[in-house]
PDB file of N, CA and C in Angstrom:
ATOM      1  N   MET A   1     -16.370  -2.899   4.636  1.00  0.00           N
ATOM      2  CA  MET A   1     -15.152  -3.249   5.332  1.00  0.00           C
ATOM      3  C   MET A   1     -14.762  -3.825   6.456  1.00  0.00           C
ATOM      4  N   SER A   2     -14.246  -4.570   6.032  1.00  0.00           N
ATOM      5  CA  SER A   2     -13.369  -4.935   8.124  1.00  0.00           C
ATOM      6  C   SER A   2     -12.375  -3.574   7.837  1.00  0.00           C
ATOM      7  N   THR A   3     -12.101  -3.198   9.149  1.00  0.00           N
ATOM      8  CA  THR A   3     -10.723  -2.306   9.615  1.00  0.00           C
ATOM      9  C   THR A   3      -9.843  -2.829   9.680  1.00  0.00           C
ATOM     10  N   ASP A   4      -9.678  -4.045  10.107  1.00  0.00           N
ATOM     11  CA  ASP A   4      -8.557  -5.314  10.682  1.00  0.00           C
ATOM     12  C   ASP A   4      -7.565  -5.175   9.595  1.00  0.00           C
ATOM     13  N   VAL A   5      -6.597  -4.622  10.120  1.00  0.00           N
ATOM     14  CA  VAL A   5      -5.302  -4.954   9.108  1.00  0.00           C
ATOM     15  C   VAL A   5      -4.522  -5.960   9.788  1.00  0.00           C
ATOM     16  N   GLU A   6      -4.193  -7.254   9.028  1.00  0.00           N
ATOM     17  CA  GLU A   6      -3.499  -8.347   9.586  1.00  0.00           C
ATOM     18  C   GLU A   6      -1.969  -8.428   9.287  1.00  0.00           C
ATOM     19  N   LEU A   7      -1.114  -8.320   9.901  1.00  0.00           N
ATOM     20  CA  LEU A   7       0.306  -8.190   9.631  1.00  0.00           C
ATOM     21  C   LEU A   7       0.721  -9.893   9.250  1.00  0.00           C
ATOM     22  N   ALA A   8       1.432 -10.162   8.060  1.00  0.00           N
ATOM     23  CA  ALA A   8       1.515 -11.538   8.057  1.00  0.00           C
ATOM     24  C   ALA A   8       3.173 -11.579   7.336  1.00  0.00           C
ATOM     25  N   PRO A   9       3.863 -10.996   8.413  1.00  0.00           N
ATOM     26  CA  PRO A   9       5.205 -11.003   7.737  1.00  0.00           C
ATOM     27  C   PRO A   9       5.961 -12.946   7.312  1.00  0.00           C
ATOM     28  N   PRO A  10       6.696 -13.153   6.772  1.00  0.00           N
ATOM     29  CA  PRO A  10       6.911 -11.859   5.361  1.00  0.00           C
ATOM     30  C   PRO A  10       6.222 -11.687   4.388  1.00  0.00           C
ATOM     31  N   ARG A  11       5.183 -12.431   4.070  1.00  0.00           N
ATOM     32  CA  ARG A  11       4.200 -12.191   2.992  1.00  0.00           C
ATOM     33  C   ARG A  11       3.691 -10.874   2.604  1.00  0.00           C
ATOM     34  N   GLY A  12       3.387  -9.691   3.920  1.00  0.00           N
ATOM     35  CA  GLY A  12       2.692  -8.910   3.476  1.00  0.00           C
ATOM     36  C   GLY A  12       1.523  -8.724   4.188  1.00  0.00           C
ATOM     37  N   ILE A  13       0.409  -7.432   3.863  1.00  0.00           N
ATOM     38  CA  ILE A  13      -0.574  -7.610   4.915  1.00  0.00           C
ATOM     39  C   ILE A  13      -1.540  -7.889   4.472  1.00  0.00           C
ATOM     40  N   THR A  14      -3.057  -7.967   5.087  1.00  0.00           N
ATOM     41  CA  THR A  14      -4.081  -8.309   4.412  1.00  0.00           C
ATOM     42  C   THR A  14      -4.382  -8.003   3.392  1.00  0.00           C
ATOM     43  N   GLY A  15      -4.872  -8.899   2.477  1.00  0.00           N
ATOM     44  CA  GLY A  15      -5.215  -8.213   0.811  1.00  0.00           C
ATOM     45  C   GLY A  15      -3.877  -8.076   0.442  1.00  0.00           C
ATOM     46  N   PHE A  16      -2.807  -7.330   0.744  1.00  0.00           N
ATOM     47  CA  PHE A  16      -1.552  -7.205   0.138  1.00  0.00           C
ATOM     48  C   PHE A  16      -0.452  -7.696   0.160  1.00  0.00           C
ATOM     49  N   PRO A  17      -0.776  -8.828  -0.174  1.00  0.00           N
ATOM     50  CA  PRO A  17       0.453  -9.698  -0.337  1.00  0.00           C
ATOM     51  C   PRO A  17       2.070  -8.967  -1.158  1.00  0.00           C
ATOM     52  N   LEU A  18       3.276  -9.150  -0.723  1.00  0.00           N
ATOM     53  CA  LEU A  18       4.205  -8.267  -1.359  1.00  0.00           C
ATOM     54  C   LEU A  18       4.390  -9.468  -2.237  1.00  0.00           C
ATOM     55  N   GLY A  19       4.945  -8.412  -3.767  1.00  0.00           N
ATOM     56  CA  GLY A  19       4.913  -8.976  -4.886  1.00  0.00           C
ATOM     57  C   GLY A  19       3.702  -8.222  -5.643  1.00  0.00           C
ATOM     58  N   ALA A  20       2.227  -8.162  -5.518  1.00  0.00           N
ATOM     59  CA  ALA A  20       1.406  -7.969  -6.022  1.00  0.00           C
ATOM     60  C   ALA A  20       1.869  -6.913  -6.813  1.00  0.00           C
ATOM     61  N   ALA A  21       1.013  -6.404  -8.247  1.00  0.00           N
ATOM     62  CA  ALA A  21       1.098  -5.459  -9.175  1.00  0.00           C
ATOM     63  C   ALA A  21       0.485  -4.419  -8.501  1.00  0.00           C
ATOM     64  N   ALA A  22       1.445  -3.343  -8.710  1.00  0.00           N
ATOM     65  CA  ALA A  22       1.474  -1.712  -8.418  1.00  0.00           C
ATOM     66  C   ALA A  22      -0.342  -1.494  -7.936  1.00  0.00           C
ATOM     67  N   GLY A  23      -0.713  -1.637  -9.712  1.00  0.00           N
ATOM     68  CA  GLY A  23      -2.153  -1.731 -10.313  1.00  0.00           C
ATOM     69  C   GLY A  23      -3.458  -2.504  -9.011  1.00  0.00           C
ATOM     70  N   ALA A  24      -3.417  -3.426  -8.508  1.00  0.00           N
ATOM     71  CA  ALA A  24      -3.953  -4.132  -7.822  1.00  0.00           C
ATOM     72  C   ALA A  24      -4.089  -3.570  -6.817  1.00  0.00           C
ATOM     73  N   VAL A  25      -2.922  -3.492  -5.927  1.00  0.00           N
ATOM     74  CA  VAL A  25      -3.003  -2.418  -5.027  1.00  0.00           C
ATOM     75  C   VAL A  25      -3.353  -1.632  -5.058  1.00  0.00           C
ATOM     76  N   GLU A  26      -3.242  -0.386  -5.783  1.00  0.00           N
ATOM     77  CA  GLU A  26      -4.531   0.909  -6.343  1.00  0.00           C
ATOM     78  C   GLU A  26      -5.935   0.485  -5.817  1.00  0.00           C
ATOM     79  N   ARG A  27      -6.285  -0.593  -7.172  1.00  0.00           N
ATOM     80  CA  ARG A  27      -7.906  -0.910  -6.750  1.00  0.00           C
ATOM     81  C   ARG A  27      -8.460  -1.648  -5.368  1.00  0.00           C
ATOM     82  N   THR A  28      -7.243  -2.492  -4.973  1.00  0.00           N
ATOM     83  CA  THR A  28      -8.023  -3.276  -3.494  1.00  0.00           C
ATOM     84  C   THR A  28      -8.186  -1.984  -2.335  1.00  0.00           C
ATOM     85  N   ALA A  29      -6.886  -1.262  -2.636  1.00  0.00           N
ATOM     86  CA  ALA A  29      -7.204  -0.143  -1.253  1.00  0.00           C
ATOM     87  C   ALA A  29      -8.703   0.479  -1.637  1.00  0.00           C
ATOM     88  N   ALA A  30      -8.472   0.871  -2.963  1.00  0.00           N
ATOM     89  CA  ALA A  30     -10.132   1.664  -3.363  1.00  0.00           C
ATOM     90  C   ALA A  30     -11.228   1.132  -2.710  1.00  0.00           C
ATOM     91  N   GLU A  31     -11.359  -0.345  -2.959  1.00  0.00           N
ATOM     92  CA  GLU A  31     -12.277  -1.076  -2.891  1.00  0.00           C
ATOM     93  C   GLU A  31     -12.722  -1.245  -1.543  1.00  0.00           C
ATOM     94  N   CYS A  32     -11.461  -1.063  -0.691  1.00  0.00           N
ATOM     95  CA  CYS A  32     -11.641  -1.347   0.833  1.00  0.00           C
ATOM     96  C   CYS A  32     -12.179   0.302   1.665  1.00  0.00           C
ATOM     97  N   GLY A  33     -12.346   1.060   0.468  1.00  0.00           N
ATOM     98  CA  GLY A  33     -12.838   2.223   1.294  1.00  0.00           C
ATOM     99  C   GLY A  33     -11.663   3.518   1.465  1.00  0.00           C
ATOM    100  N   CYS A  34     -10.851   3.260   0.861  1.00  0.00           N
ATOM    101  CA  CYS A  34      -9.927   4.140   1.123  1.00  0.00           C
ATOM    102  C   CYS A  34      -9.666   5.242  -0.077  1.00  0.00           C
ATOM    103  N   ARG A  35      -9.261   6.313   0.709  1.00  0.00           N
ATOM    104  CA  ARG A  35      -8.931   7.421  -0.373  1.00  0.00           C
ATOM    105  C   ARG A  35      -7.344   7.169  -1.236  1.00  0.00           C
ATOM    106  N   VAL A  36      -7.168   6.759  -2.357  1.00  0.00           N
ATOM    107  CA  VAL A  36      -5.868   6.274  -3.025  1.00  0.00           C
ATOM    108  C   VAL A  36      -5.085   7.512  -3.113  1.00  0.00           C
ATOM    109  N   LYS A  37      -3.903   7.654  -3.009  1.00  0.00           N
ATOM    110  CA  LYS A  37      -2.993   8.845  -3.585  1.00  0.00           C
ATOM    111  C   LYS A  37      -1.790   7.763  -3.927  1.00  0.00           C
ATOM    112  N   VAL A  38      -1.077   8.151  -5.254  1.00  0.00           N
ATOM    113  CA  VAL A  38      -0.322   7.508  -6.248  1.00  0.00           C
ATOM    114  C   VAL A  38       0.899   8.531  -6.178  1.00  0.00           C
ATOM    115  N   GLN A  39       2.017   8.454  -5.708  1.00  0.00           N
ATOM    116  CA  GLN A  39       3.361   9.093  -5.940  1.00  0.00           C
ATOM    117  C   GLN A  39       4.424   8.385  -6.596  1.00  0.00           C
ATOM    118  N   ASP A  40       4.883   9.538  -8.136  1.00  0.00           N
ATOM    119  CA  ASP A  40       6.063   8.811  -8.698  1.00  0.00           C
ATOM    120  C   ASP A  40       5.567   7.335  -9.503  1.00  0.00           C
ATOM    121  N   GLU A  41       4.060   7.212  -9.963  1.00  0.00           N
ATOM    122  CA  GLU A  41       3.960   6.393 -10.677  1.00  0.00           C
ATOM    123  C   GLU A  41       4.614   6.013 -11.865  1.00  0.00           C
ATOM    124  N   GLY A  42       5.322   4.418 -11.683  1.00  0.00           N
ATOM    125  CA  GLY A  42       6.150   3.647 -12.635  1.00  0.00           C
ATOM    126  C   GLY A  42       7.454   4.367 -12.356  1.00  0.00           C
ATOM    127  N   ALA A  43       7.710   5.432 -11.688  1.00  0.00           N
ATOM    128  CA  ALA A  43       9.271   5.217 -11.181  1.00  0.00           C
ATOM    129  C   ALA A  43       9.830   4.123 -10.540  1.00  0.00           C
ATOM    130  N   ALA A  44      11.222   4.166 -10.406  1.00  0.00           N
ATOM    131  CA  ALA A  44      11.779   3.457  -9.856  1.00  0.00           C
ATOM    132  C   ALA A  44      13.707   3.272  -9.869  1.00  0.00           C
ATOM    133  N   ASP A  45      14.103   4.211  -9.377  1.00  0.00           N
ATOM    134  CA  ASP A  45      15.159   4.531  -8.937  1.00  0.00           C
ATOM    135  C   ASP A  45      15.561   5.208  -7.640  1.00  0.00           C
ATOM    136  N   PRO A  46      16.814   4.610  -7.029  1.00  0.00           N
ATOM    137  CA  PRO A  46      17.116   4.673  -5.557  1.00  0.00           C
ATOM    138  C   PRO A  46      16.398   6.006  -4.890  1.00  0.00           C
ATOM    139  N   VAL A  47      16.128   7.332  -5.520  1.00  0.00           N
ATOM    140  CA  VAL A  47      15.639   8.229  -4.713  1.00  0.00           C
ATOM    141  C   VAL A  47      14.239   8.564  -5.002  1.00  0.00           C
ATOM    142  N   HIS A  48      13.827   8.203  -6.312  1.00  0.00           N
ATOM    143  CA  HIS A  48      12.616   8.373  -6.828  1.00  0.00           C
ATOM    144  C   HIS A  48      11.549   7.179  -7.003  1.00  0.00           C
ATOM    145  N   TYR A  49      10.989   6.573  -6.119  1.00  0.00           N
ATOM    146  CA  TYR A  49       9.780   5.362  -6.495  1.00  0.00           C
ATOM    147  C   TYR A  49       8.673   5.636  -6.101  1.00  0.00           C
ATOM    148  N   MET A  50       7.949   4.914  -6.672  1.00  0.00           N
ATOM    149  CA  MET A  50       6.184   4.585  -6.724  1.00  0.00           C
ATOM    150  C   MET A  50       6.091   4.006  -5.415  1.00  0.00           C
ATOM    151  N   LYS A  51       5.133   5.114  -4.918  1.00  0.00           N
ATOM    152  CA  LYS A  51       4.339   4.868  -3.231  1.00  0.00           C
ATOM    153  C   LYS A  51       2.959   4.952  -3.822  1.00  0.00           C
ATOM    154  N   VAL A  52       2.154   4.297  -3.049  1.00  0.00           N
ATOM    155  CA  VAL A  52       0.834   4.030  -3.291  1.00  0.00           C
ATOM    156  C   VAL A  52       0.407   4.106  -1.986  1.00  0.00           C
ATOM    157  N   THR A  53      -0.345   5.537  -1.133  1.00  0.00           N
ATOM    158  CA  THR A  53      -0.768   5.524   0.250  1.00  0.00           C
ATOM    159  C   THR A  53      -2.003   5.273   0.391  1.00  0.00           C
ATOM    160  N   ALA A  54      -2.903   4.477   1.282  1.00  0.00           N
ATOM    161  CA  ALA A  54      -4.229   4.292   1.469  1.00  0.00           C
ATOM    162  C   ALA A  54      -4.458   5.023   2.910  1.00  0.00           C
ATOM    163  N   LEU A  55      -5.654   6.135   2.303  1.00  0.00           N
ATOM    164  CA  LEU A  55      -5.888   6.902   3.651  1.00  0.00           C
ATOM    165  C   LEU A  55      -7.330   6.315   3.984  1.00  0.00           C
ATOM    166  N   HIS A  56      -7.685   5.897   5.256  1.00  0.00           N
ATOM    167  CA  HIS A  56      -8.704   5.634   5.896  1.00  0.00           C
ATOM    168  C   HIS A  56      -9.000   6.124   7.072  1.00  0.00           C
ATOM    169  N   GLU A  57     -10.246   6.599   7.714  1.00  0.00           N
ATOM    170  CA  GLU A  57     -10.442   7.030   8.621  1.00  0.00           C
ATOM    171  C   GLU A  57      -9.739   6.682   9.942  1.00  0.00           C
ATOM    172  N   GLN A  58      -9.170   5.251  10.003  1.00  0.00           N
ATOM    173  CA  GLN A  58      -8.970   4.498  11.180  1.00  0.00           C
ATOM    174  C   GLN A  58      -7.612   4.128  10.770  1.00  0.00           C
ATOM    175  N   PHE A  59      -6.910   4.268   9.610  1.00  0.00           N
ATOM    176  CA  PHE A  59      -5.590   4.431   9.567  1.00  0.00           C
ATOM    177  C   PHE A  59      -4.818   4.352   8.410  1.00  0.00           C
ATOM    178  N   GLU A  60      -3.547   4.558   8.036  1.00  0.00           N
ATOM    179  CA  GLU A  60      -2.581   5.150   6.727  1.00  0.00           C
ATOM    180  C   GLU A  60      -1.949   4.060   6.299  1.00  0.00           C
ATOM    181  N   ILE A  61      -1.868   3.511   5.249  1.00  0.00           N
ATOM    182  CA  ILE A  61      -1.053   2.502   4.579  1.00  0.00           C
ATOM    183  C   ILE A  61      -0.079   3.171   3.492  1.00  0.00           C
ATOM    184  N   VAL A  62       1.281   3.042   3.601  1.00  0.00           N
ATOM    185  CA  VAL A  62       1.863   3.741   2.828  1.00  0.00           C
ATOM    186  C   VAL A  62       2.509   2.366   1.991  1.00  0.00           C
ATOM    187  N   PHE A  63       1.929   2.439   0.706  1.00  0.00           N
ATOM    188  CA  PHE A  63       2.586   0.869  -0.093  1.00  0.00           C
ATOM    189  C   PHE A  63       3.632   1.364  -1.017  1.00  0.00           C
ATOM    190  N   HIS A  64       5.015   0.670  -1.035  1.00  0.00           N
ATOM    191  CA  HIS A  64       6.449   0.943  -1.561  1.00  0.00           C
ATOM    192  C   HIS A  64       6.685  -0.217  -2.635  1.00  0.00           C
ATOM    193  N   CYS A  65       6.630   0.434  -3.888  1.00  0.00           N
ATOM    194  CA  CYS A  65       6.681  -0.449  -4.817  1.00  0.00           C
ATOM    195  C   CYS A  65       7.888   0.388  -5.844  1.00  0.00           C
ATOM    196  N   GLU A  66       8.771   0.077  -5.402  1.00  0.00           N
ATOM    197  CA  GLU A  66      10.367   0.135  -5.600  1.00  0.00           C
ATOM    198  C   GLU A  66      10.927   0.231  -6.857  1.00  0.00           C
ATOM    199  N   ASP A  67      10.209  -1.375  -7.434  1.00  0.00           N
ATOM    200  CA  ASP A  67      10.966  -1.432  -9.047  1.00  0.00           C
ATOM    201  C   ASP A  67       9.922  -0.880 -10.199  1.00  0.00           C
ATOM    202  N   GLY A  68       8.664  -0.039  -9.302  1.00  0.00           N
ATOM    203  CA  GLY A  68       7.500   0.761 -10.015  1.00  0.00           C
ATOM    204  C   GLY A  68       6.768   0.091 -10.727  1.00  0.00           C
ATOM    205  N   ARG A  69       6.778  -1.390  -9.965  1.00  0.00           N
ATOM    206  CA  ARG A  69       5.467  -2.312 -10.450  1.00  0.00           C
ATOM    207  C   ARG A  69       4.735  -3.070  -9.761  1.00  0.00           C
ATOM    208  N   THR A  70       5.530  -3.604  -8.567  1.00  0.00           N
ATOM    209  CA  THR A  70       5.110  -4.212  -7.789  1.00  0.00           C
ATOM    210  C   THR A  70       5.263  -3.800  -6.265  1.00  0.00           C
ATOM    211  N   LEU A  71       4.656  -4.400  -5.525  1.00  0.00           N
ATOM    212  CA  LEU A  71       4.736  -4.067  -4.115  1.00  0.00           C
ATOM    213  C   LEU A  71       5.701  -4.864  -3.328  1.00  0.00           C
ATOM    214  N   THR A  72       6.537  -4.405  -3.063  1.00  0.00           N
ATOM    215  CA  THR A  72       8.177  -4.593  -2.204  1.00  0.00           C
ATOM    216  C   THR A  72       7.884  -4.362  -0.807  1.00  0.00           C
ATOM    217  N   ALA A  73       6.980  -3.226  -0.170  1.00  0.00           N
ATOM    218  CA  ALA A  73       6.946  -3.318   1.164  1.00  0.00           C
ATOM    219  C   ALA A  73       5.874  -2.418   1.487  1.00  0.00           C
ATOM    220  N   ALA A  74       5.653  -2.595   2.655  1.00  0.00           N
ATOM    221  CA  ALA A  74       4.381  -1.483   3.583  1.00  0.00           C
ATOM    222  C   ALA A  74       4.661  -1.178   4.723  1.00  0.00           C
ATOM    223  N   GLU A  75       4.276   0.289   5.199  1.00  0.00           N
ATOM    224  CA  GLU A  75       4.022   0.877   6.146  1.00  0.00           C
ATOM    225  C   GLU A  75       2.528   1.280   6.829  1.00  0.00           C
ATOM    226  N   VAL A  76       2.247   0.459   7.551  1.00  0.00           N
ATOM    227  CA  VAL A  76       1.050   0.799   8.268  1.00  0.00           C
ATOM    228  C   VAL A  76       1.195   1.849   9.512  1.00  0.00           C
ATOM    229  N   TRP A  77       0.122   2.628   9.534  1.00  0.00           N
ATOM    230  CA  TRP A  77      -0.005   3.927  10.404  1.00  0.00           C
ATOM    231  C   TRP A  77      -1.260   3.967  11.247  1.00  0.00           C
ATOM    232  N   ILE A  78      -1.434   3.839  12.317  1.00  0.00           N
ATOM    233  CA  ILE A  78      -2.322   3.886  12.848  1.00  0.00           C
ATOM    234  C   ILE A  78      -2.718   5.519  13.944  1.00  0.00           C
ATOM    235  N   PRO A  79      -3.104   6.573  13.293  1.00  0.00           N
ATOM    236  CA  PRO A  79      -2.946   8.157  13.799  1.00  0.00           C
ATOM    237  C   PRO A  79      -3.532   8.207  15.255  1.00  0.00           C
ATOM    238  N   HIS A  80      -4.264   6.977  15.865  1.00  0.00           N
ATOM    239  CA  HIS A  80      -5.013   7.443  17.022  1.00  0.00           C
ATOM    240  C   HIS A  80      -4.838   6.499  17.800  1.00  0.00           C
ATOM    241  N   PRO A  81      -4.831   6.299  19.129  1.00  0.00           N
ATOM    242  CA  PRO A  81      -4.690   5.356  19.906  1.00  0.00           C
ATOM    243  C   PRO A  81      -5.952   4.426  19.950  1.00  0.00           C
TER     244      PRO A  81
END
């Protein structure tokens, strides 16, 4: 997998368009070689909503599925300079 992550506001990021189904986000992240963690699967309230974290040795992406079903936001973290 290429480890390039391309930001494409307001559409999303490489391979993860906003509005994508939560299951597709999980599968695509795993196919990219990421370790995937899901928090509050299917939850959709103002305090606890679904998050999918994709952990890679070069980056981390937190995908927010605020309605419990679709990708609504993503945070890209690069832990090393």
